C-alpha atoms as a PDB file:
ATOM      1  CA  MET A   1     157.331 -14.588 190.547  1.00  0.00           C
ATOM      2  CA  ALA A   2     157.545 -14.397 186.769  1.00  0.00           C
ATOM      3  CA  ARG A   3     159.014 -11.724 184.518  1.00  0.00           C
ATOM      4  CA  ILE A   4     156.612 -11.366 181.612  1.00  0.00           C
ATOM      5  CA  GLY A   5     157.689  -9.319 178.624  1.00  0.00           C
ATOM      6  CA  TYR A   6     155.408  -7.469 176.245  1.00  0.00           C
ATOM      7  CA  ALA A   7     156.600  -6.149 172.878  1.00  0.00           C
ATOM      8  CA  ARG A   8     154.612  -4.128 170.348  1.00  0.00           C
ATOM      9  CA  VAL A   9     155.145  -2.351 167.062  1.00  0.00           C
ATOM     10  CA  SER A  10     152.510  -0.305 165.289  1.00  0.00           C
ATOM     11  CA  THR A  11     152.512  -1.787 161.792  1.00  0.00           C
ATOM     12  CA  LEU A  12     152.950  -5.177 160.153  1.00  0.00           C
ATOM     13  CA  ASP A  13     156.104  -4.146 158.307  1.00  0.00           C
ATOM     14  CA  GLN A  14     157.939  -3.104 161.494  1.00  0.00           C
ATOM     15  CA  ASP A  15     160.330  -5.498 163.233  1.00  0.00           C
ATOM     16  CA  LEU A  16     159.888  -6.836 166.781  1.00  0.00           C
ATOM     17  CA  ASP A  17     163.273  -8.597 166.977  1.00  0.00           C
ATOM     18  CA  VAL A  18     165.140  -5.903 168.935  1.00  0.00           C
ATOM     19  CA  GLN A  19     162.420  -5.681 171.595  1.00  0.00           C
ATOM     20  CA  LEU A  20     162.084  -9.458 171.858  1.00  0.00           C
ATOM     21  CA  ALA A  21     165.838  -9.944 172.232  1.00  0.00           C
ATOM     22  CA  ARG A  22     166.060  -7.233 174.896  1.00  0.00           C
ATOM     23  CA  LEU A  23     163.163  -8.689 176.909  1.00  0.00           C
ATOM     24  CA  ARG A  24     164.667 -12.183 176.793  1.00  0.00           C
ATOM     25  CA  ALA A  25     168.085 -10.785 177.790  1.00  0.00           C
ATOM     26  CA  GLU A  26     166.385  -9.163 180.783  1.00  0.00           C
ATOM     27  CA  GLY A  27     165.217 -12.581 181.952  1.00  0.00           C
ATOM     28  CA  CYS A  28     161.624 -12.600 180.750  1.00  0.00           C
ATOM     29  CA  GLY A  29     160.597 -16.255 180.633  1.00  0.00           C
ATOM     30  CA  ILE A  30     157.372 -15.395 178.837  1.00  0.00           C
ATOM     31  CA  VAL A  31     157.278 -12.803 176.075  1.00  0.00           C
ATOM     32  CA  ARG A  32     154.105 -11.853 174.215  1.00  0.00           C
ATOM     33  CA  SER A  33     154.153  -9.581 171.179  1.00  0.00           C
ATOM     34  CA  GLU A  34     151.858  -8.041 168.610  1.00  0.00           C
ATOM     35  CA  LYS A  35     151.852  -5.720 165.630  1.00  0.00           C
ATOM     36  CA  VAL A  36     149.085  -3.234 166.302  1.00  0.00           C
ATOM     37  CA  SER A  37     148.688   0.486 167.033  1.00  0.00           C
ATOM     38  CA  GLY A  38     149.222   1.619 170.607  1.00  0.00           C
ATOM     39  CA  GLY A  39     146.670   4.395 170.297  1.00  0.00           C
ATOM     40  CA  SER A  40     144.117   2.333 172.197  1.00  0.00           C
ATOM     41  CA  ARG A  41     143.873  -0.891 174.178  1.00  0.00           C
ATOM     42  CA  GLU A  42     141.179  -2.144 171.816  1.00  0.00           C
ATOM     43  CA  GLY A  43     142.282  -4.863 169.423  1.00  0.00           C
ATOM     44  CA  ARG A  44     145.347  -5.864 171.435  1.00  0.00           C
ATOM     45  CA  PRO A  45     144.671  -9.480 172.476  1.00  0.00           C
ATOM     46  CA  GLU A  46     148.264 -10.237 173.498  1.00  0.00           C
ATOM     47  CA  LEU A  47     148.278  -7.351 175.964  1.00  0.00           C
ATOM     48  CA  ALA A  48     144.940  -8.512 177.383  1.00  0.00           C
ATOM     49  CA  THR A  49     146.389 -12.017 177.793  1.00  0.00           C
ATOM     50  CA  VAL A  50     149.432 -10.663 179.632  1.00  0.00           C
ATOM     51  CA  ILE A  51     147.292  -8.632 182.032  1.00  0.00           C
ATOM     52  CA  GLU A  52     145.017 -11.612 182.735  1.00  0.00           C
ATOM     53  CA  PHE A  53     148.039 -13.867 183.261  1.00  0.00           C
ATOM     54  CA  LEU A  54     149.651 -11.653 185.939  1.00  0.00           C
ATOM     55  CA  ARG A  55     149.825 -13.063 189.457  1.00  0.00           C
ATOM     56  CA  PRO A  56     151.003 -11.539 192.758  1.00  0.00           C
ATOM     57  CA  GLY A  57     154.705 -10.770 192.600  1.00  0.00           C
ATOM     58  CA  ASP A  58     154.904 -10.980 188.793  1.00  0.00           C
ATOM     59  CA  GLU A  59     156.598  -8.260 186.800  1.00  0.00           C
ATOM     60  CA  LEU A  60     155.373  -6.938 183.448  1.00  0.00           C
ATOM     61  CA  VAL A  61     158.409  -5.719 181.498  1.00  0.00           C
ATOM     62  CA  VAL A  62     158.394  -3.441 178.428  1.00  0.00           C
ATOM     63  CA  THR A  63     161.333  -1.882 176.621  1.00  0.00           C
ATOM     64  CA  ARG A  64     159.731   1.579 176.526  1.00  0.00           C
ATOM     65  CA  LEU A  65     156.555   2.943 178.055  1.00  0.00           C
ATOM     66  CA  ASP A  66     155.035   3.753 174.665  1.00  0.00           C
ATOM     67  CA  ARG A  67     155.029   0.002 173.929  1.00  0.00           C
ATOM     68  CA  LEU A  68     152.232  -0.268 176.520  1.00  0.00           C
ATOM     69  CA  GLY A  69     150.325   2.528 174.858  1.00  0.00           C
ATOM     70  CA  ARG A  70     150.292   6.091 173.617  1.00  0.00           C
ATOM     71  CA  ASP A  71     147.327   7.227 175.683  1.00  0.00           C
ATOM     72  CA  THR A  72     148.145   8.315 179.237  1.00  0.00           C
ATOM     73  CA  ARG A  73     144.844   7.066 180.635  1.00  0.00           C
ATOM     74  CA  ASP A  74     145.283   3.630 179.005  1.00  0.00           C
ATOM     75  CA  VAL A  75     148.834   3.311 180.330  1.00  0.00           C
ATOM     76  CA  LEU A  76     147.818   4.343 183.838  1.00  0.00           C
ATOM     77  CA  ASN A  77     144.866   1.940 183.741  1.00  0.00           C
ATOM     78  CA  LEU A  78     147.188  -0.893 182.673  1.00  0.00           C
ATOM     79  CA  ILE A  79     149.554  -0.111 185.524  1.00  0.00           C
ATOM     80  CA  HIS A  80     146.611   0.049 187.935  1.00  0.00           C
ATOM     81  CA  GLU A  81     145.316  -3.339 186.710  1.00  0.00           C
ATOM     82  CA  ALA A  82     148.753  -4.884 187.147  1.00  0.00           C
ATOM     83  CA  GLU A  83     148.835  -3.560 190.700  1.00  0.00           C
ATOM     84  CA  GLN A  84     145.354  -4.966 191.335  1.00  0.00           C
ATOM     85  CA  TRP A  85     146.803  -8.392 190.487  1.00  0.00           C
ATOM     86  CA  GLY A  86     149.643  -7.723 192.949  1.00  0.00           C
ATOM     87  CA  ALA A  87     152.139  -7.346 190.101  1.00  0.00           C
ATOM     88  CA  PHE A  88     154.277  -4.416 189.073  1.00  0.00           C
ATOM     89  CA  VAL A  89     155.443  -2.848 185.819  1.00  0.00           C
ATOM     90  CA  THR A  90     159.039  -2.213 184.772  1.00  0.00           C
ATOM     91  CA  VAL A  91     160.108  -0.053 181.843  1.00  0.00           C
ATOM     92  CA  LEU A  92     163.666  -0.690 180.642  1.00  0.00           C
ATOM     93  CA  ASP A  93     164.341   2.601 178.835  1.00  0.00           C
ATOM     94  CA  PRO A  94     164.536   4.667 180.966  1.00  0.00           C
ATOM     95  CA  HIS A  95     164.716   2.101 183.749  1.00  0.00           C
ATOM     96  CA  VAL A  96     161.789   2.726 186.072  1.00  0.00           C
ATOM     97  CA  SER A  97     159.488   0.439 187.998  1.00  0.00           C
ATOM     98  CA  THR A  98     156.228   0.759 189.911  1.00  0.00           C
ATOM     99  CA  ARG A  99     157.816  -1.058 192.853  1.00  0.00           C
ATOM    100  CA  GLY A 100     158.495   2.245 194.577  1.00  0.00           C
ATOM    101  CA  GLU A 101     156.530   5.465 195.036  1.00  0.00           C
ATOM    102  CA  MET A 102     158.799   7.478 192.730  1.00  0.00           C
ATOM    103  CA  GLY A 103     158.250   4.912 190.001  1.00  0.00           C
ATOM    104  CA  GLN A 104     154.534   5.733 189.934  1.00  0.00           C
ATOM    105  CA  ILE A 105     155.230   9.433 189.511  1.00  0.00           C
ATOM    106  CA  VAL A 106     157.841   8.909 186.791  1.00  0.00           C
ATOM    107  CA  LEU A 107     155.578   6.514 184.869  1.00  0.00           C
ATOM    108  CA  THR A 108     152.719   9.015 185.025  1.00  0.00           C
ATOM    109  CA  VAL A 109     154.931  11.732 183.556  1.00  0.00           C
ATOM    110  CA  LEU A 110     156.317   9.369 180.902  1.00  0.00           C
ATOM    111  CA  GLY A 111     152.752   8.364 179.965  1.00  0.00           C
ATOM    112  CA  MET A 112     151.860  12.007 179.430  1.00  0.00           C
ATOM    113  CA  VAL A 113     154.966  12.459 177.277  1.00  0.00           C
ATOM    114  CA  ALA A 114     154.031   9.407 175.159  1.00  0.00           C
ATOM    115  CA  GLN A 115     150.549  10.836 174.577  1.00  0.00           C
ATOM    116  CA  MET A 116     151.998  14.214 173.654  1.00  0.00           C
ATOM    117  CA  GLU A 117     154.401  12.515 171.233  1.00  0.00           C
ATOM    118  CA  ARG A 118     151.472  10.727 169.572  1.00  0.00           C
ATOM    119  CA  ARG A 119     149.711  14.058 169.061  1.00  0.00           C
ATOM    120  CA  PHE A 120     152.860  15.569 167.535  1.00  0.00           C
ATOM    121  CA  ILE A 121     153.210  12.600 165.161  1.00  0.00           C
ATOM    122  CA  LYS A 122     149.595  12.994 164.024  1.00  0.00           C
ATOM    123  CA  GLU A 123     150.070  16.745 163.522  1.00  0.00           C
ATOM    124  CA  ARG A 124     153.243  16.243 161.465  1.00  0.00           C
ATOM    125  CA  GLN A 125     151.515  13.570 159.396  1.00  0.00           C
ATOM    126  CA  ARG A 126     148.509  15.821 158.779  1.00  0.00           C
ATOM    127  CA  ASP A 127     150.802  18.748 157.835  1.00  0.00           C
ATOM    128  CA  GLY A 128     152.767  16.534 155.435  1.00  0.00           C
ATOM    129  CA  ILE A 129     149.590  15.301 153.760  1.00  0.00           C
ATOM    130  CA  GLU A 130     148.284  18.868 153.367  1.00  0.00           C
ATOM    131  CA  ARG A 131     151.588  19.993 151.780  1.00  0.00           C
ATOM    132  CA  ALA A 132     151.556  16.988 149.421  1.00  0.00           C
ATOM    133  CA  LYS A 133     147.941  17.696 148.443  1.00  0.00           C
ATOM    134  CA  ALA A 134     148.790  21.353 147.770  1.00  0.00           C
ATOM    135  CA  VAL A 135     151.422  20.372 145.187  1.00  0.00           C
ATOM    136  CA  GLY A 136     149.365  17.519 143.741  1.00  0.00           C
ATOM    137  CA  ILE A 137     151.528  14.664 145.014  1.00  0.00           C
ATOM    138  CA  TYR A 138     149.154  13.062 147.496  1.00  0.00           C
ATOM    139  CA  VAL A 139     146.603  10.692 146.024  1.00  0.00           C
ATOM    140  CA  GLY A 140     145.553   8.887 149.184  1.00  0.00           C
ATOM    141  CA  GLY A 141     146.457   5.503 150.583  1.00  0.00           C
ATOM    142  CA  LYS A 142     146.705   2.347 148.520  1.00  0.00           C
ATOM    143  CA  ARG A 143     143.445   0.416 148.313  1.00  0.00           C
ATOM    144  CA  ARG A 144     143.904  -2.932 150.009  1.00  0.00           C
ATOM    145  CA  LEU A 145     140.658  -4.591 148.980  1.00  0.00           C
ATOM    146  CA  ASP A 146     139.445  -5.641 145.562  1.00  0.00           C
ATOM    147  CA  ARG A 147     136.211  -3.674 145.743  1.00  0.00           C
ATOM    148  CA  GLU A 148     135.015  -4.815 142.331  1.00  0.00           C
ATOM    149  CA  ARG A 149     135.397  -8.476 143.305  1.00  0.00           C
ATOM    150  CA  ILE A 150     133.358  -7.857 146.462  1.00  0.00           C
ATOM    151  CA  ARG A 151     130.576  -6.259 144.406  1.00  0.00           C
ATOM    152  CA  VAL A 152     130.609  -9.105 141.849  1.00  0.00           C
ATOM    153  CA  LEU A 153     130.457 -11.777 144.559  1.00  0.00           C
ATOM    154  CA  HIS A 154     127.562  -9.917 146.187  1.00  0.00           C
ATOM    155  CA  ALA A 155     125.738  -9.597 142.868  1.00  0.00           C
ATOM    156  CA  GLU A 156     126.151 -13.361 142.379  1.00  0.00           C
ATOM    157  CA  GLY A 157     124.314 -13.901 145.659  1.00  0.00           C
ATOM    158  CA  THR A 158     127.267 -14.619 147.946  1.00  0.00           C
ATOM    159  CA  GLY A 159     126.635 -13.512 151.531  1.00  0.00           C
ATOM    160  CA  PRO A 160     128.825 -10.981 153.384  1.00  0.00           C
ATOM    161  CA  ALA A 161     130.452 -13.605 155.658  1.00  0.00           C
ATOM    162  CA  ALA A 162     131.425 -15.786 152.684  1.00  0.00           C
ATOM    163  CA  ILE A 163     132.705 -12.751 150.777  1.00  0.00           C
ATOM    164  CA  ALA A 164     134.811 -11.738 153.777  1.00  0.00           C
ATOM    165  CA  ARG A 165     136.352 -15.229 153.964  1.00  0.00           C
ATOM    166  CA  THR A 166     137.005 -15.312 150.231  1.00  0.00           C
ATOM    167  CA  VAL A 167     138.567 -11.854 150.017  1.00  0.00           C
ATOM    168  CA  GLY A 168     140.337 -12.050 153.381  1.00  0.00           C
ATOM    169  CA  CYS A 169     138.744  -9.182 155.249  1.00  0.00           C
ATOM    170  CA  SER A 170     136.100  -8.574 157.906  1.00  0.00           C
ATOM    171  CA  ARG A 171     132.348  -8.579 157.261  1.00  0.00           C
ATOM    172  CA  MET A 172     132.304  -4.921 158.314  1.00  0.00           C
ATOM    173  CA  GLN A 173     134.678  -4.075 155.470  1.00  0.00           C
ATOM    174  CA  VAL A 174     132.413  -5.930 153.051  1.00  0.00           C
ATOM    175  CA  TYR A 175     129.406  -3.913 154.276  1.00  0.00           C
ATOM    176  CA  ARG A 176     131.355  -0.655 153.863  1.00  0.00           C
ATOM    177  CA  VAL A 177     132.330  -1.508 150.286  1.00  0.00           C
ATOM    178  CA  LEU A 178     128.748  -2.437 149.441  1.00  0.00           C
ATOM    179  CA  GLN A 179     127.491   0.829 150.931  1.00  0.00           C
ATOM    180  CA  GLU A 180     129.934   2.778 148.734  1.00  0.00           C
ATOM    181  CA  GLY A 181     127.762   1.765 145.799  1.00  0.00           C
END
């Protein structure tokens, strides 16, 4: 029986140290972490690895339920998959586990709260952007790619895969830039 910790933050500039320390202090011998949005299970390879690694009697430990995800269905599916492996899920704050029947109910409610919180965050963000646009402050996000360089490389005959490697992005991003004109 292993205690496997999973830590997640949403953006690259956020810090995982507090979660990692808490999971190790709770006795997690294995801790996997990633910096990616919890809005969906897609694009979360560390979480997929943890789920595949679970064996009967293992325990998946997270500091808060929203670290597993912000979508109720995703969280419930993750818990269901863990149970299919014969493992259970424990959330440290508030402390609840799927070991008992009440744990399932509490986790379901907490999952719904996490999803609701995500919607509120998006609404507040959208409202803030609209207010900033109204007073002329908002100019959009910072461009992360050198679009002109992508176009020049393409004009020189460099293929999308090579451009992506050179610029440090995905081929899909290269295609999008080229479609912009």
